[in-house]
Amino acid sequence: MNANLKSLAKQAKERLKTAGEISSGNSQALAANTSYTFVANMRAIEDDPLFPKVKRLLEKSEDEIIINPISQLVSKKYLETLSAESKEKYILKLIKKYNTIKDYIISNNLINQN
């Protein structure tokens, strides 16, 4: 299961790289749209069900190294029900949410605060 998850994450990462190369010609419009989306989502970020899990992982990482945080956030039962393409989409969405929440927690110095 872990090797399969790594493979899916690698494929998703390659897709992201390719998507970035394709859209680089329209980067100004993309950046404006992305920043608006990011600001609009900041209001609800602490209400996201992943927020406390990510916060715990970040607090835990001060004491021990977390090698693959995404594998600790993924719903393995749900993942088993998905097709290969849906698994990739799920992992990509999870990675994006994790990174957004992690950046928010770190930039607002919310680690070890109740």
N, C-alpha and C. Protein backbone atom coordinates (compact mmCIF):
# COMPACT_ATOMS: atom_id res chain seq x y z
N MET A 1 0.83 -1.20 0.00
CA MET A 1 0.00 0.00 0.00
C MET A 1 0.87 1.25 0.00
N ASN A 2 1.92 1.28 0.82
CA ASN A 2 2.77 2.44 0.93
C ASN A 2 3.51 2.72 -0.37
N ALA A 3 3.99 1.67 -1.07
CA ALA A 3 4.67 1.83 -2.35
C ALA A 3 3.69 2.37 -3.39
N ASN A 4 2.45 1.88 -3.35
CA ASN A 4 1.43 2.36 -4.27
C ASN A 4 1.13 3.83 -4.03
N LEU A 5 1.06 4.24 -2.78
CA LEU A 5 0.80 5.62 -2.42
C LEU A 5 1.93 6.52 -2.90
N LYS A 6 3.17 6.05 -2.73
CA LYS A 6 4.33 6.80 -3.20
C LYS A 6 4.29 6.96 -4.72
N SER A 7 3.92 5.90 -5.40
CA SER A 7 3.83 5.94 -6.86
C SER A 7 2.78 6.94 -7.31
N LEU A 8 1.63 6.93 -6.66
CA LEU A 8 0.57 7.88 -7.00
C LEU A 8 1.01 9.32 -6.74
N ALA A 9 1.68 9.53 -5.64
CA ALA A 9 2.16 10.88 -5.31
C ALA A 9 3.19 11.34 -6.33
N LYS A 10 4.05 10.44 -6.77
CA LYS A 10 5.06 10.79 -7.77
C LYS A 10 4.40 11.17 -9.10
N GLN A 11 3.41 10.39 -9.52
CA GLN A 11 2.68 10.69 -10.75
C GLN A 11 1.97 12.03 -10.65
N ALA A 12 1.38 12.30 -9.51
CA ALA A 12 0.68 13.57 -9.31
C ALA A 12 1.65 14.74 -9.36
N LYS A 13 2.82 14.56 -8.77
CA LYS A 13 3.84 15.60 -8.77
C LYS A 13 4.29 15.90 -10.21
N GLU A 14 4.47 14.88 -11.01
CA GLU A 14 4.85 15.06 -12.41
C GLU A 14 3.76 15.82 -13.18
N ARG A 15 2.50 15.50 -12.89
CA ARG A 15 1.40 16.23 -13.54
C ARG A 15 1.42 17.70 -13.17
N LEU A 16 1.72 18.00 -11.91
CA LEU A 16 1.79 19.39 -11.48
C LEU A 16 2.91 20.13 -12.20
N LYS A 17 4.06 19.48 -12.36
CA LYS A 17 5.17 20.10 -13.07
C LYS A 17 4.77 20.41 -14.51
N THR A 18 4.13 19.47 -15.17
CA THR A 18 3.70 19.65 -16.56
C THR A 18 2.66 20.75 -16.66
N ALA A 19 1.73 20.79 -15.74
CA ALA A 19 0.69 21.82 -15.75
C ALA A 19 1.30 23.20 -15.58
N GLY A 20 2.33 23.31 -14.75
CA GLY A 20 3.00 24.60 -14.54
C GLY A 20 3.69 25.07 -15.79
N GLU A 21 4.28 24.16 -16.55
CA GLU A 21 4.96 24.53 -17.79
C GLU A 21 3.96 24.99 -18.84
N ILE A 22 2.81 24.34 -18.90
CA ILE A 22 1.80 24.69 -19.89
C ILE A 22 1.20 26.06 -19.61
N SER A 23 0.94 26.36 -18.35
CA SER A 23 0.25 27.59 -18.01
C SER A 23 1.20 28.77 -17.78
N SER A 24 2.51 28.59 -17.95
CA SER A 24 3.44 29.67 -17.65
C SER A 24 3.26 30.87 -18.58
N GLY A 25 2.71 30.67 -19.76
CA GLY A 25 2.45 31.78 -20.66
C GLY A 25 1.36 32.69 -20.14
N ASN A 26 0.49 32.18 -19.33
CA ASN A 26 -0.62 32.94 -18.79
C ASN A 26 -0.45 33.10 -17.28
N SER A 27 0.80 33.29 -16.85
CA SER A 27 1.10 33.27 -15.42
C SER A 27 0.51 34.45 -14.66
N GLN A 28 0.40 35.60 -15.28
CA GLN A 28 -0.12 36.77 -14.57
C GLN A 28 -1.58 36.56 -14.19
N ALA A 29 -2.38 36.10 -15.12
CA ALA A 29 -3.79 35.85 -14.83
C ALA A 29 -3.93 34.71 -13.82
N LEU A 30 -3.10 33.70 -13.96
CA LEU A 30 -3.13 32.57 -13.04
C LEU A 30 -2.76 33.02 -11.63
N ALA A 31 -1.74 33.86 -11.50
CA ALA A 31 -1.32 34.34 -10.18
C ALA A 31 -2.42 35.16 -9.52
N ALA A 32 -3.09 36.01 -10.28
CA ALA A 32 -4.18 36.82 -9.73
C ALA A 32 -5.32 35.93 -9.24
N ASN A 33 -5.67 34.94 -10.04
CA ASN A 33 -6.75 34.03 -9.67
C ASN A 33 -6.38 33.21 -8.45
N THR A 34 -5.15 32.74 -8.40
CA THR A 34 -4.69 31.93 -7.27
C THR A 34 -4.68 32.74 -5.99
N SER A 35 -4.19 33.99 -6.05
CA SER A 35 -4.13 34.79 -4.83
C SER A 35 -5.52 35.11 -4.32
N TYR A 36 -6.47 35.36 -5.21
CA TYR A 36 -7.85 35.61 -4.78
C TYR A 36 -8.42 34.37 -4.10
N THR A 37 -8.21 33.22 -4.71
CA THR A 37 -8.70 31.96 -4.15
C THR A 37 -8.10 31.72 -2.78
N PHE A 38 -6.81 31.98 -2.66
CA PHE A 38 -6.11 31.76 -1.40
C PHE A 38 -6.69 32.67 -0.31
N VAL A 39 -6.88 33.95 -0.62
CA VAL A 39 -7.42 34.89 0.36
C VAL A 39 -8.84 34.51 0.74
N ALA A 40 -9.64 34.12 -0.22
CA ALA A 40 -11.02 33.74 0.05
C ALA A 40 -11.09 32.51 0.95
N ASN A 41 -10.15 31.62 0.80
CA ASN A 41 -10.14 30.39 1.60
C ASN A 41 -9.53 30.55 2.98
N MET A 42 -8.80 31.63 3.21
CA MET A 42 -8.13 31.83 4.50
C MET A 42 -9.14 31.95 5.64
N ARG A 43 -10.31 32.48 5.36
CA ARG A 43 -11.31 32.67 6.41
C ARG A 43 -11.77 31.34 6.99
N ALA A 44 -11.84 30.33 6.17
CA ALA A 44 -12.38 29.05 6.62
C ALA A 44 -11.30 28.01 6.90
N ILE A 45 -10.05 28.41 6.83
CA ILE A 45 -8.97 27.43 6.94
C ILE A 45 -8.95 26.73 8.31
N GLU A 46 -9.25 27.46 9.37
CA GLU A 46 -9.23 26.85 10.69
C GLU A 46 -10.46 25.97 10.93
N ASP A 47 -11.47 26.08 10.06
CA ASP A 47 -12.66 25.23 10.16
C ASP A 47 -12.50 23.93 9.38
N ASP A 48 -11.43 23.83 8.60
CA ASP A 48 -11.19 22.63 7.80
C ASP A 48 -10.95 21.44 8.73
N PRO A 49 -11.56 20.29 8.46
CA PRO A 49 -11.36 19.11 9.32
C PRO A 49 -9.90 18.66 9.40
N LEU A 50 -9.09 19.01 8.42
CA LEU A 50 -7.68 18.62 8.44
C LEU A 50 -6.83 19.54 9.33
N PHE A 51 -7.36 20.71 9.65
CA PHE A 51 -6.57 21.70 10.40
C PHE A 51 -6.00 21.12 11.70
N PRO A 52 -6.82 20.53 12.58
CA PRO A 52 -6.23 20.00 13.84
C PRO A 52 -5.25 18.86 13.61
N LYS A 53 -5.49 18.05 12.58
CA LYS A 53 -4.58 16.94 12.29
C LYS A 53 -3.22 17.46 11.83
N VAL A 54 -3.24 18.46 10.93
CA VAL A 54 -1.99 19.04 10.44
C VAL A 54 -1.25 19.73 11.58
N LYS A 55 -2.00 20.44 12.41
CA LYS A 55 -1.38 21.12 13.55
C LYS A 55 -0.70 20.12 14.48
N ARG A 56 -1.38 19.00 14.76
CA ARG A 56 -0.78 17.96 15.60
C ARG A 56 0.49 17.39 14.97
N LEU A 57 0.45 17.18 13.64
CA LEU A 57 1.64 16.67 12.95
C LEU A 57 2.80 17.65 13.05
N LEU A 58 2.52 18.92 12.89
CA LEU A 58 3.58 19.93 12.96
C LEU A 58 4.14 20.03 14.38
N GLU A 59 3.27 19.94 15.36
CA GLU A 59 3.74 19.97 16.75
C GLU A 59 4.54 18.71 17.08
N LYS A 60 4.11 17.61 16.52
CA LYS A 60 4.81 16.34 16.72
C LYS A 60 6.19 16.37 16.07
N SER A 61 6.30 17.05 14.92
CA SER A 61 7.56 17.07 14.17
C SER A 61 8.65 17.83 14.91
N GLU A 62 8.28 18.62 15.93
CA GLU A 62 9.32 19.27 16.72
C GLU A 62 10.05 18.25 17.58
N ASP A 63 9.35 17.18 17.96
CA ASP A 63 9.95 16.13 18.79
C ASP A 63 10.52 14.99 17.96
N GLU A 64 9.89 14.70 16.83
CA GLU A 64 10.34 13.60 15.97
C GLU A 64 10.13 14.00 14.50
N ILE A 65 10.88 13.38 13.63
CA ILE A 65 10.80 13.69 12.21
C ILE A 65 9.62 12.94 11.59
N ILE A 66 8.77 13.67 10.89
CA ILE A 66 7.65 13.08 10.18
C ILE A 66 8.09 12.94 8.72
N ILE A 67 8.27 11.71 8.26
CA ILE A 67 8.79 11.47 6.92
C ILE A 67 7.74 11.71 5.84
N ASN A 68 6.53 11.20 6.03
CA ASN A 68 5.49 11.34 5.03
C ASN A 68 4.17 11.73 5.70
N PRO A 69 3.95 13.02 5.89
CA PRO A 69 2.75 13.45 6.59
C PRO A 69 1.46 13.14 5.82
N ILE A 70 1.53 13.10 4.51
CA ILE A 70 0.34 12.84 3.70
C ILE A 70 -0.19 11.43 4.00
N SER A 71 0.69 10.47 4.17
CA SER A 71 0.24 9.10 4.46
C SER A 71 -0.48 9.02 5.81
N GLN A 72 -0.19 9.97 6.70
CA GLN A 72 -0.86 9.99 8.00
C GLN A 72 -2.21 10.71 7.93
N LEU A 73 -2.42 11.47 6.87
CA LEU A 73 -3.68 12.20 6.72
C LEU A 73 -4.67 11.49 5.81
N VAL A 74 -4.17 10.63 4.94
CA VAL A 74 -5.01 9.97 3.95
C VAL A 74 -5.98 8.99 4.62
N SER A 75 -7.18 8.95 4.09
CA SER A 75 -8.16 7.98 4.55
C SER A 75 -7.95 6.71 3.72
N LYS A 76 -7.34 5.71 4.31
CA LYS A 76 -6.99 4.50 3.57
C LYS A 76 -8.22 3.73 3.09
N LYS A 77 -9.26 3.70 3.90
CA LYS A 77 -10.49 3.02 3.49
C LYS A 77 -11.11 3.70 2.28
N TYR A 78 -11.14 5.04 2.30
CA TYR A 78 -11.70 5.79 1.18
C TYR A 78 -10.83 5.62 -0.06
N LEU A 79 -9.53 5.65 0.12
CA LEU A 79 -8.59 5.52 -0.99
C LEU A 79 -8.78 4.19 -1.73
N GLU A 80 -9.07 3.12 -0.99
CA GLU A 80 -9.26 1.79 -1.58
C GLU A 80 -10.48 1.73 -2.50
N THR A 81 -11.43 2.63 -2.32
CA THR A 81 -12.65 2.60 -3.12
C THR A 81 -12.51 3.37 -4.42
N LEU A 82 -11.41 4.10 -4.61
CA LEU A 82 -11.25 4.98 -5.77
C LEU A 82 -10.53 4.32 -6.93
N SER A 83 -10.80 4.83 -8.13
CA SER A 83 -10.06 4.40 -9.32
C SER A 83 -8.67 5.04 -9.27
N ALA A 84 -7.78 4.62 -10.15
CA ALA A 84 -6.41 5.14 -10.15
C ALA A 84 -6.40 6.66 -10.37
N GLU A 85 -7.20 7.14 -11.31
CA GLU A 85 -7.26 8.58 -11.59
C GLU A 85 -7.83 9.35 -10.40
N SER A 86 -8.87 8.80 -9.79
CA SER A 86 -9.47 9.45 -8.63
C SER A 86 -8.52 9.46 -7.44
N LYS A 87 -7.71 8.41 -7.32
CA LYS A 87 -6.71 8.37 -6.25
C LYS A 87 -5.71 9.51 -6.41
N GLU A 88 -5.26 9.71 -7.66
CA GLU A 88 -4.32 10.80 -7.94
C GLU A 88 -4.93 12.14 -7.56
N LYS A 89 -6.17 12.36 -7.97
CA LYS A 89 -6.85 13.62 -7.66
C LYS A 89 -6.99 13.81 -6.16
N TYR A 90 -7.35 12.75 -5.47
CA TYR A 90 -7.52 12.80 -4.02
C TYR A 90 -6.20 13.15 -3.34
N ILE A 91 -5.11 12.50 -3.76
CA ILE A 91 -3.80 12.76 -3.17
C ILE A 91 -3.36 14.19 -3.46
N LEU A 92 -3.55 14.64 -4.69
CA LEU A 92 -3.18 16.02 -5.04
C LEU A 92 -3.95 17.04 -4.20
N LYS A 93 -5.24 16.80 -4.05
CA LYS A 93 -6.07 17.71 -3.26
C LYS A 93 -5.61 17.71 -1.81
N LEU A 94 -5.29 16.55 -1.29
CA LEU A 94 -4.82 16.42 0.08
C LEU A 94 -3.48 17.12 0.28
N ILE A 95 -2.57 16.98 -0.69
CA ILE A 95 -1.27 17.65 -0.63
C ILE A 95 -1.46 19.16 -0.63
N LYS A 96 -2.33 19.64 -1.50
CA LYS A 96 -2.58 21.08 -1.59
C LYS A 96 -3.16 21.61 -0.28
N LYS A 97 -4.13 20.90 0.28
CA LYS A 97 -4.72 21.33 1.55
C LYS A 97 -3.69 21.30 2.66
N TYR A 98 -2.90 20.23 2.71
CA TYR A 98 -1.86 20.11 3.74
C TYR A 98 -0.89 21.29 3.67
N ASN A 99 -0.39 21.58 2.47
CA ASN A 99 0.57 22.67 2.32
C ASN A 99 -0.03 24.02 2.68
N THR A 100 -1.28 24.25 2.29
CA THR A 100 -1.95 25.50 2.61
C THR A 100 -2.12 25.66 4.11
N ILE A 101 -2.59 24.61 4.77
CA ILE A 101 -2.80 24.65 6.21
C ILE A 101 -1.47 24.78 6.94
N LYS A 102 -0.47 24.02 6.50
CA LYS A 102 0.87 24.08 7.12
C LYS A 102 1.44 25.49 7.02
N ASP A 103 1.36 26.09 5.85
CA ASP A 103 1.87 27.45 5.66
C ASP A 103 1.13 28.44 6.55
N TYR A 104 -0.18 28.27 6.66
CA TYR A 104 -0.99 29.15 7.49
C TYR A 104 -0.58 29.02 8.96
N ILE A 105 -0.43 27.81 9.43
CA ILE A 105 -0.05 27.57 10.82
C ILE A 105 1.33 28.15 11.12
N ILE A 106 2.27 27.91 10.23
CA ILE A 106 3.64 28.39 10.45
C ILE A 106 3.70 29.92 10.35
N SER A 107 3.05 30.50 9.35
CA SER A 107 3.12 31.96 9.18
C SER A 107 2.41 32.71 10.31
N ASN A 108 1.42 32.08 10.93
CA ASN A 108 0.70 32.71 12.04
C ASN A 108 1.19 32.23 13.40
N ASN A 109 2.29 31.48 13.40
CA ASN A 109 2.92 30.98 14.62
C ASN A 109 1.92 30.32 15.56
N LEU A 110 1.16 29.36 15.02
CA LEU A 110 0.12 28.69 15.78
C LEU A 110 0.54 27.35 16.39
N ILE A 111 1.80 26.99 16.22
CA ILE A 111 2.28 25.71 16.75
C ILE A 111 2.41 25.83 18.27
N ASN A 112 1.92 24.80 18.96
CA ASN A 112 1.92 24.70 20.43
C ASN A 112 1.07 25.77 21.10
N GLN A 113 0.03 26.21 20.40
CA GLN A 113 -0.95 27.10 21.01
C GLN A 113 -2.27 26.36 21.06
N ASN A 114 -3.01 26.47 22.12
CA ASN A 114 -4.30 25.79 22.24
C ASN A 114 -5.42 26.61 21.73
